[in-house]
Amino acid sequence: MLVTTFGIDLAKSSFSLHGVDKDGNVVLKKNVTRKNTIIYRQYAHLPDWY
């Protein structure tokens, strides 16, 4: 699972994360609250540029 395109939709109290691979297949689709964003990043194994 290699995310080549990453999108983020910012809202007041939550984020919608969306990632696709080089073929356009969805490999990440997640809604997280601002409070849980740091915790999610630690366990999602996302690259440092996230």
N, C-alpha and C. Protein backbone atom coordinates (compact mmCIF):
# COMPACT_ATOMS: atom_id res chain seq x y z
N MET A 1 0.85 -1.18 0.00
CA MET A 1 0.00 0.00 0.00
C MET A 1 0.89 1.24 0.00
N LEU A 2 1.02 1.87 -1.14
CA LEU A 2 1.80 3.09 -1.26
C LEU A 2 0.88 4.21 -1.70
N VAL A 3 0.72 5.19 -0.86
CA VAL A 3 -0.13 6.34 -1.17
C VAL A 3 0.68 7.28 -2.06
N THR A 4 0.16 7.56 -3.25
CA THR A 4 0.85 8.50 -4.14
C THR A 4 0.16 9.85 -4.17
N THR A 5 -1.13 9.89 -3.88
CA THR A 5 -1.88 11.14 -3.80
C THR A 5 -2.66 11.14 -2.49
N PHE A 6 -2.51 12.21 -1.74
CA PHE A 6 -3.11 12.30 -0.42
C PHE A 6 -3.94 13.56 -0.35
N GLY A 7 -5.18 13.43 0.12
CA GLY A 7 -6.05 14.58 0.27
C GLY A 7 -6.54 14.70 1.69
N ILE A 8 -6.78 15.94 2.11
CA ILE A 8 -7.30 16.17 3.45
C ILE A 8 -8.37 17.25 3.37
N ASP A 9 -9.50 16.97 3.99
CA ASP A 9 -10.60 17.92 4.05
C ASP A 9 -10.69 18.41 5.48
N LEU A 10 -10.40 19.69 5.69
CA LEU A 10 -10.38 20.25 7.03
C LEU A 10 -11.76 20.78 7.40
N ALA A 11 -12.20 20.39 8.56
CA ALA A 11 -13.44 20.92 9.11
C ALA A 11 -13.13 21.49 10.49
N LYS A 12 -14.13 22.05 11.13
CA LYS A 12 -13.90 22.70 12.41
C LYS A 12 -13.42 21.73 13.48
N SER A 13 -14.00 20.54 13.53
CA SER A 13 -13.63 19.62 14.60
C SER A 13 -13.19 18.24 14.11
N SER A 14 -13.05 18.07 12.79
CA SER A 14 -12.63 16.76 12.27
C SER A 14 -11.89 16.92 10.95
N PHE A 15 -11.24 15.85 10.54
CA PHE A 15 -10.53 15.78 9.27
C PHE A 15 -11.03 14.58 8.50
N SER A 16 -11.12 14.69 7.19
CA SER A 16 -11.35 13.54 6.33
C SER A 16 -10.07 13.32 5.54
N LEU A 17 -9.51 12.13 5.67
CA LEU A 17 -8.26 11.78 4.99
C LEU A 17 -8.57 10.83 3.84
N HIS A 18 -7.91 11.05 2.70
CA HIS A 18 -8.17 10.24 1.52
C HIS A 18 -6.85 10.04 0.78
N GLY A 19 -6.51 8.78 0.52
CA GLY A 19 -5.27 8.50 -0.20
C GLY A 19 -5.51 7.48 -1.30
N VAL A 20 -4.85 7.68 -2.44
CA VAL A 20 -4.96 6.74 -3.55
C VAL A 20 -3.57 6.32 -4.00
N ASP A 21 -3.49 5.12 -4.61
CA ASP A 21 -2.21 4.65 -5.13
C ASP A 21 -2.02 5.12 -6.57
N LYS A 22 -0.95 4.69 -7.20
CA LYS A 22 -0.63 5.16 -8.56
C LYS A 22 -1.67 4.76 -9.60
N ASP A 23 -2.46 3.71 -9.31
CA ASP A 23 -3.50 3.27 -10.24
C ASP A 23 -4.86 3.91 -9.96
N GLY A 24 -4.94 4.76 -8.96
CA GLY A 24 -6.19 5.43 -8.62
C GLY A 24 -7.08 4.66 -7.67
N ASN A 25 -6.56 3.57 -7.11
CA ASN A 25 -7.33 2.79 -6.14
C ASN A 25 -7.25 3.44 -4.76
N VAL A 26 -8.38 3.51 -4.08
CA VAL A 26 -8.42 4.10 -2.75
C VAL A 26 -7.72 3.16 -1.77
N VAL A 27 -6.71 3.68 -1.08
CA VAL A 27 -5.99 2.87 -0.09
C VAL A 27 -6.13 3.45 1.32
N LEU A 28 -6.68 4.65 1.43
CA LEU A 28 -6.89 5.27 2.73
C LEU A 28 -8.14 6.12 2.66
N LYS A 29 -9.05 5.88 3.58
CA LYS A 29 -10.26 6.68 3.69
C LYS A 29 -10.65 6.68 5.15
N LYS A 30 -10.45 7.81 5.83
CA LYS A 30 -10.61 7.84 7.27
C LYS A 30 -11.09 9.21 7.72
N ASN A 31 -11.99 9.22 8.67
CA ASN A 31 -12.41 10.45 9.33
C ASN A 31 -11.87 10.42 10.75
N VAL A 32 -11.19 11.48 11.14
CA VAL A 32 -10.66 11.56 12.50
C VAL A 32 -10.97 12.93 13.08
N THR A 33 -11.10 12.98 14.39
CA THR A 33 -11.33 14.25 15.06
C THR A 33 -9.99 14.94 15.28
N ARG A 34 -10.03 16.23 15.52
CA ARG A 34 -8.79 16.96 15.79
C ARG A 34 -8.09 16.37 17.01
N LYS A 35 -8.85 15.97 17.98
CA LYS A 35 -8.29 15.43 19.22
C LYS A 35 -7.51 14.14 18.95
N ASN A 36 -7.97 13.31 18.01
CA ASN A 36 -7.35 12.02 17.73
C ASN A 36 -6.36 12.04 16.57
N THR A 37 -6.11 13.17 15.97
CA THR A 37 -5.25 13.24 14.78
C THR A 37 -3.83 12.78 15.08
N ILE A 38 -3.23 13.24 16.15
CA ILE A 38 -1.87 12.86 16.49
C ILE A 38 -1.80 11.37 16.80
N ILE A 39 -2.76 10.87 17.53
CA ILE A 39 -2.80 9.44 17.86
C ILE A 39 -2.94 8.62 16.59
N TYR A 40 -3.80 9.02 15.66
CA TYR A 40 -3.99 8.27 14.41
C TYR A 40 -2.70 8.23 13.60
N ARG A 41 -1.99 9.34 13.51
CA ARG A 41 -0.77 9.39 12.72
C ARG A 41 0.28 8.43 13.27
N GLN A 42 0.35 8.29 14.57
CA GLN A 42 1.34 7.41 15.18
C GLN A 42 1.10 5.95 14.81
N TYR A 43 -0.15 5.55 14.64
CA TYR A 43 -0.46 4.14 14.40
C TYR A 43 -0.80 3.82 12.95
N ALA A 44 -0.91 4.82 12.10
CA ALA A 44 -1.29 4.60 10.71
C ALA A 44 -0.09 4.29 9.83
N HIS A 45 1.13 4.46 10.33
CA HIS A 45 2.35 4.23 9.57
C HIS A 45 2.38 5.10 8.31
N LEU A 46 1.97 6.35 8.48
CA LEU A 46 2.02 7.29 7.36
C LEU A 46 3.43 7.86 7.26
N PRO A 47 3.85 8.24 6.07
CA PRO A 47 5.20 8.80 5.91
C PRO A 47 5.32 10.14 6.63
N ASP A 48 6.54 10.59 6.83
CA ASP A 48 6.79 11.82 7.58
C ASP A 48 6.21 13.06 6.94
N TRP A 49 5.99 13.07 5.63
CA TRP A 49 5.47 14.26 4.98
C TRP A 49 4.02 14.52 5.31
N TYR A 50 3.32 13.57 5.91
CA TYR A 50 1.91 13.75 6.26
C TYR A 50 1.74 14.81 7.29
